[in-house]
Each structure stands twice: as structure tokens, then as C-alpha cells.
């Protein structure tokens, strides 16, 4: 019996540091072998896929699913799940993994002290995927950029 999907993988989107599992399960007789490959570069053309070698970070699970832990920007891209058992046509599907960079600050916060009557200029550098907004507050009250705050 040729392979057919029991669970076909779907695209996933998450943030750096998280984990993701692509479920990929096929049935047939004999039981299909599941293999995972990753596209080299930003293309999903089949000829550019390379086999995945399991390690702590990325591994094929016993049920055929692909687990990727502690995601990095390098993990984003296209993945190919192939199911084959030597009977009839093989199955394959390509999924896309989007790994987003959460907004974060370049330098940690710190306490600033200024004497009464003097002014203080505080800078804030934030990084991450756009769009994001930066808001200032004092004593949990949102500051208006056009008002003079004391």
C-alpha cells in the first residue's frame, strides 16, 4: 500500500528561544520511512534540500515529527518532509518556519538621579522585528511626547 498522510505538517511561526514540532506522519504497507530535509538558502526548490542530522537542537522523533529546540534565526526557512516505503509514489510536503526576533533593549535599564532644577536626557535603543513601538512612562503613567514632565 503506497504512503498516504496520517498527519501532514503545516507552516509554523514562533520566536527565538522557543521550540517547535512539525508533525509528519504517514501510513502504508510497509510502514513508510519519514525523512526530513532543510532548504539551503531562502528557496524551497527540492534540489536545494539537505538531509537533517539529528542532535540536541534538531531531531526527528520516533513518530516522524521534527523537533527543533532553542530556535535561532538560522533555523528559519523551508523544511521538507518525505514519506517513502518503496510502493507507489513517495509523499513529500514543504513547510515554512518563521522565527521572529522579539523586541528587546540593547542596554539594561538603570536608575538615574538628577538634582532638582536640572534636566536629564535618557536614551532608549530597542531592537527586534518591526513594527514595534516605544512608550515612556513615569510612575506607571504614560508620558506624552509633547508635554513637559516633572
C-alpha atoms as a PDB file:
ATOM      1  CA  UNK A   1       0.000   0.000   0.000  1.00  0.00           C
ATOM      2  CA  UNK A   2       1.607   3.311  -1.030  1.00  0.00           C
ATOM      3  CA  UNK A   3       2.156   6.001   1.597  1.00  0.00           C
ATOM      4  CA  UNK A   4      -0.616   8.421   2.476  1.00  0.00           C
ATOM      5  CA  UNK A   5      -0.666  11.207   5.030  1.00  0.00           C
ATOM      6  CA  UNK A   6      -1.910  10.475   8.521  1.00  0.00           C
ATOM      7  CA  UNK A   7      -0.698  13.903   9.709  1.00  0.00           C
ATOM      8  CA  UNK A   8       0.660  16.334   7.118  1.00  0.00           C
ATOM      9  CA  UNK A   9       2.952  19.059   8.509  1.00  0.00           C
ATOM     10  CA  UNK A  10       1.917  22.719   8.372  1.00  0.00           C
ATOM     11  CA  UNK A  11       3.827  26.024   8.483  1.00  0.00           C
ATOM     12  CA  UNK A  12       4.866  27.330  11.903  1.00  0.00           C
ATOM     13  CA  UNK A  13       5.727  30.743  13.319  1.00  0.00           C
ATOM     14  CA  UNK A  14       7.415  31.400  16.662  1.00  0.00           C
ATOM     15  CA  UNK A  15      10.121  33.477  18.367  1.00  0.00           C
ATOM     16  CA  UNK A  16      13.814  32.975  19.097  1.00  0.00           C
ATOM     17  CA  UNK A  17      14.481  30.687  22.058  1.00  0.00           C
ATOM     18  CA  UNK A  18      11.202  28.774  21.778  1.00  0.00           C
ATOM     19  CA  UNK A  19      10.731  25.229  20.481  1.00  0.00           C
ATOM     20  CA  UNK A  20       8.652  23.907  17.591  1.00  0.00           C
ATOM     21  CA  UNK A  21       7.446  20.488  16.470  1.00  0.00           C
ATOM     22  CA  UNK A  22       6.436  19.778  12.889  1.00  0.00           C
ATOM     23  CA  UNK A  23       4.099  16.769  12.958  1.00  0.00           C
ATOM     24  CA  UNK A  24       4.629  14.486   9.955  1.00  0.00           C
ATOM     25  CA  UNK A  25       3.103  11.019   9.951  1.00  0.00           C
ATOM     26  CA  UNK A  26       2.292   8.683   7.079  1.00  0.00           C
ATOM     27  CA  UNK A  27       0.758   5.242   6.820  1.00  0.00           C
ATOM     28  CA  UNK A  28       1.018   2.458   4.259  1.00  0.00           C
ATOM     29  CA  UNK A  29       2.424  -1.039   3.912  1.00  0.00           C
ATOM     30  CA  UNK A  30       5.207  -1.472   4.614  1.00  0.00           C
ATOM     31  CA  UNK A  31       5.258   1.376   7.122  1.00  0.00           C
ATOM     32  CA  UNK A  32       6.713   4.455   5.338  1.00  0.00           C
ATOM     33  CA  UNK A  33      10.073   5.845   6.425  1.00  0.00           C
ATOM     34  CA  UNK A  34       9.937   9.567   7.281  1.00  0.00           C
ATOM     35  CA  UNK A  35      12.911  11.766   6.363  1.00  0.00           C
ATOM     36  CA  UNK A  36      13.377  15.481   6.956  1.00  0.00           C
ATOM     37  CA  UNK A  37      15.495  17.907   4.930  1.00  0.00           C
ATOM     38  CA  UNK A  38      16.160  21.636   5.188  1.00  0.00           C
ATOM     39  CA  UNK A  39      16.460  24.034   2.266  1.00  0.00           C
ATOM     40  CA  UNK A  40      19.837  25.668   1.873  1.00  0.00           C
ATOM     41  CA  UNK A  41      19.174  29.375   1.421  1.00  0.00           C
ATOM     42  CA  UNK A  42      15.784  31.041   1.137  1.00  0.00           C
ATOM     43  CA  UNK A  43      14.411  28.777  -1.555  1.00  0.00           C
ATOM     44  CA  UNK A  44      12.073  25.825  -1.323  1.00  0.00           C
ATOM     45  CA  UNK A  45      13.207  24.228  -4.601  1.00  0.00           C
ATOM     46  CA  UNK A  46      13.535  20.480  -3.951  1.00  0.00           C
ATOM     47  CA  UNK A  47      17.059  20.201  -5.366  1.00  0.00           C
ATOM     48  CA  UNK A  48      18.381  22.594  -2.685  1.00  0.00           C
ATOM     49  CA  UNK A  49      17.348  20.492   0.337  1.00  0.00           C
ATOM     50  CA  UNK A  50      19.932  18.804   2.551  1.00  0.00           C
ATOM     51  CA  UNK A  51      19.299  15.921   4.972  1.00  0.00           C
ATOM     52  CA  UNK A  52      18.959  16.838   8.630  1.00  0.00           C
ATOM     53  CA  UNK A  53      21.326  15.127  11.047  1.00  0.00           C
ATOM     54  CA  UNK A  54      19.716  14.736  14.470  1.00  0.00           C
ATOM     55  CA  UNK A  55      21.368  16.307  17.509  1.00  0.00           C
ATOM     56  CA  UNK A  56      20.220  18.010  20.739  1.00  0.00           C
ATOM     57  CA  UNK A  57      18.971  21.078  18.832  1.00  0.00           C
ATOM     58  CA  UNK A  58      17.088  19.367  15.983  1.00  0.00           C
ATOM     59  CA  UNK A  59      15.889  15.794  15.779  1.00  0.00           C
ATOM     60  CA  UNK A  60      13.436  13.501  14.059  1.00  0.00           C
ATOM     61  CA  UNK A  61      11.168  11.886  16.644  1.00  0.00           C
ATOM     62  CA  UNK A  62      10.120   8.212  16.578  1.00  0.00           C
ATOM     63  CA  UNK A  63       6.694   9.123  15.155  1.00  0.00           C
ATOM     64  CA  UNK A  64       8.312  11.037  12.248  1.00  0.00           C
ATOM     65  CA  UNK A  65       7.787  14.533  13.631  1.00  0.00           C
ATOM     66  CA  UNK A  66      10.628  17.068  13.585  1.00  0.00           C
ATOM     67  CA  UNK A  67      11.547  18.787  16.861  1.00  0.00           C
ATOM     68  CA  UNK A  68      13.662  21.955  16.961  1.00  0.00           C
ATOM     69  CA  UNK A  69      14.643  23.350  20.380  1.00  0.00           C
ATOM     70  CA  UNK A  70      16.043  26.749  21.364  1.00  0.00           C
ATOM     71  CA  UNK A  71      15.230  28.317  17.995  1.00  0.00           C
ATOM     72  CA  UNK A  72      17.664  30.762  16.407  1.00  0.00           C
ATOM     73  CA  UNK A  73      17.375  32.968  13.337  1.00  0.00           C
ATOM     74  CA  UNK A  74      19.379  30.332  11.422  1.00  0.00           C
ATOM     75  CA  UNK A  75      16.523  27.838  11.901  1.00  0.00           C
ATOM     76  CA  UNK A  76      14.085  29.874   9.815  1.00  0.00           C
ATOM     77  CA  UNK A  77      13.409  28.611   6.329  1.00  0.00           C
ATOM     78  CA  UNK A  78      11.815  25.726   4.452  1.00  0.00           C
ATOM     79  CA  UNK A  79      11.723  22.109   5.586  1.00  0.00           C
ATOM     80  CA  UNK A  80      10.797  19.069   3.519  1.00  0.00           C
ATOM     81  CA  UNK A  81       9.087  16.010   4.986  1.00  0.00           C
ATOM     82  CA  UNK A  82       9.332  12.891   2.810  1.00  0.00           C
ATOM     83  CA  UNK A  83       7.478   9.618   3.362  1.00  0.00           C
ATOM     84  CA  UNK A  84       8.530   6.560   1.341  1.00  0.00           C
ATOM     85  CA  UNK A  85       8.030   2.807   1.570  1.00  0.00           C
ATOM     86  CA  UNK A  86       9.076   1.649  -1.915  1.00  0.00           C
ATOM     87  CA  UNK A  87       5.466   1.089  -3.001  1.00  0.00           C
ATOM     88  CA  UNK A  88       3.909   3.587  -5.386  1.00  0.00           C
ATOM     89  CA  UNK A  89       4.800   7.271  -5.316  1.00  0.00           C
ATOM     90  CA  UNK A  90       6.599   8.836  -2.360  1.00  0.00           C
ATOM     91  CA  UNK A  91       4.900  11.647  -0.451  1.00  0.00           C
ATOM     92  CA  UNK A  92       6.547  14.974   0.260  1.00  0.00           C
ATOM     93  CA  UNK A  93       5.494  18.362   1.501  1.00  0.00           C
ATOM     94  CA  UNK A  94       7.364  21.595   2.216  1.00  0.00           C
ATOM     95  CA  UNK A  95       6.667  23.712   5.292  1.00  0.00           C
ATOM     96  CA  UNK A  96       7.977  27.127   6.243  1.00  0.00           C
ATOM     97  CA  UNK A  97       9.350  28.024   9.667  1.00  0.00           C
ATOM     98  CA  UNK A  98       9.234  31.715  10.550  1.00  0.00           C
ATOM     99  CA  UNK A  99      11.406  32.670  13.527  1.00  0.00           C
ATOM    100  CA  UNK A 100      10.741  36.165  14.829  1.00  0.00           C
ATOM    101  CA  UNK A 101      13.006  38.392  16.894  1.00  0.00           C
ATOM    102  CA  UNK A 102      11.109  39.722  19.898  1.00  0.00           C
ATOM    103  CA  UNK A 103      11.578  43.379  20.790  1.00  0.00           C
ATOM    104  CA  UNK A 104      14.413  43.868  23.270  1.00  0.00           C
ATOM    105  CA  UNK A 105      16.638  46.641  24.589  1.00  0.00           C
ATOM    106  CA  UNK A 106      20.324  46.976  23.745  1.00  0.00           C
ATOM    107  CA  UNK A 107      21.333  48.080  27.243  1.00  0.00           C
ATOM    108  CA  UNK A 108      19.654  47.188  30.534  1.00  0.00           C
ATOM    109  CA  UNK A 109      17.640  49.705  32.484  1.00  0.00           C
ATOM    110  CA  UNK A 110      19.310  51.633  35.272  1.00  0.00           C
ATOM    111  CA  UNK A 111      18.391  54.230  37.860  1.00  0.00           C
ATOM    112  CA  UNK A 112      19.164  57.852  37.002  1.00  0.00           C
ATOM    113  CA  UNK A 113      19.432  60.520  39.686  1.00  0.00           C
ATOM    114  CA  UNK A 114      19.289  64.208  38.974  1.00  0.00           C
ATOM    115  CA  UNK A 115      19.209  67.183  41.307  1.00  0.00           C
ATOM    116  CA  UNK A 116      16.150  69.385  41.375  1.00  0.00           C
ATOM    117  CA  UNK A 117      16.208  72.044  38.669  1.00  0.00           C
ATOM    118  CA  UNK A 118      18.496  70.090  36.344  1.00  0.00           C
ATOM    119  CA  UNK A 119      17.395  68.147  33.306  1.00  0.00           C
ATOM    120  CA  UNK A 120      18.100  64.571  32.291  1.00  0.00           C
ATOM    121  CA  UNK A 121      18.213  63.112  28.808  1.00  0.00           C
ATOM    122  CA  UNK A 122      17.560  59.362  28.678  1.00  0.00           C
ATOM    123  CA  UNK A 123      18.115  57.336  25.524  1.00  0.00           C
ATOM    124  CA  UNK A 124      16.436  54.095  24.600  1.00  0.00           C
ATOM    125  CA  UNK A 125      17.604  51.710  21.869  1.00  0.00           C
ATOM    126  CA  UNK A 126      15.259  48.872  21.028  1.00  0.00           C
ATOM    127  CA  UNK A 127      15.779  46.055  18.545  1.00  0.00           C
ATOM    128  CA  UNK A 128      13.562  43.396  17.046  1.00  0.00           C
ATOM    129  CA  UNK A 129      11.260  42.811  14.142  1.00  0.00           C
ATOM    130  CA  UNK A 130       9.259  45.811  13.138  1.00  0.00           C
ATOM    131  CA  UNK A 131       6.729  47.137  13.688  1.00  0.00           C
ATOM    132  CA  UNK A 132       7.168  47.853  17.372  1.00  0.00           C
ATOM    133  CA  UNK A 133       6.510  50.963  19.442  1.00  0.00           C
ATOM    134  CA  UNK A 134       8.385  52.560  22.301  1.00  0.00           C
ATOM    135  CA  UNK A 135       6.416  54.222  25.056  1.00  0.00           C
ATOM    136  CA  UNK A 136       7.730  56.132  28.047  1.00  0.00           C
ATOM    137  CA  UNK A 137       6.023  56.172  31.426  1.00  0.00           C
ATOM    138  CA  UNK A 138       6.699  57.627  34.852  1.00  0.00           C
ATOM    139  CA  UNK A 139       5.160  56.068  37.949  1.00  0.00           C
ATOM    140  CA  UNK A 140       3.091  53.819  35.642  1.00  0.00           C
ATOM    141  CA  UNK A 141       1.601  56.841  33.850  1.00  0.00           C
ATOM    142  CA  UNK A 142       2.173  57.058  30.112  1.00  0.00           C
ATOM    143  CA  UNK A 143       4.116  60.177  29.129  1.00  0.00           C
ATOM    144  CA  UNK A 144       3.046  62.370  26.244  1.00  0.00           C
ATOM    145  CA  UNK A 145       5.976  63.276  23.983  1.00  0.00           C
ATOM    146  CA  UNK A 146       4.659  66.829  23.599  1.00  0.00           C
ATOM    147  CA  UNK A 147       4.187  67.605  27.272  1.00  0.00           C
ATOM    148  CA  UNK A 148       6.730  68.797  29.817  1.00  0.00           C
ATOM    149  CA  UNK A 149       7.094  66.163  32.509  1.00  0.00           C
ATOM    150  CA  UNK A 150       8.385  66.683  36.006  1.00  0.00           C
END
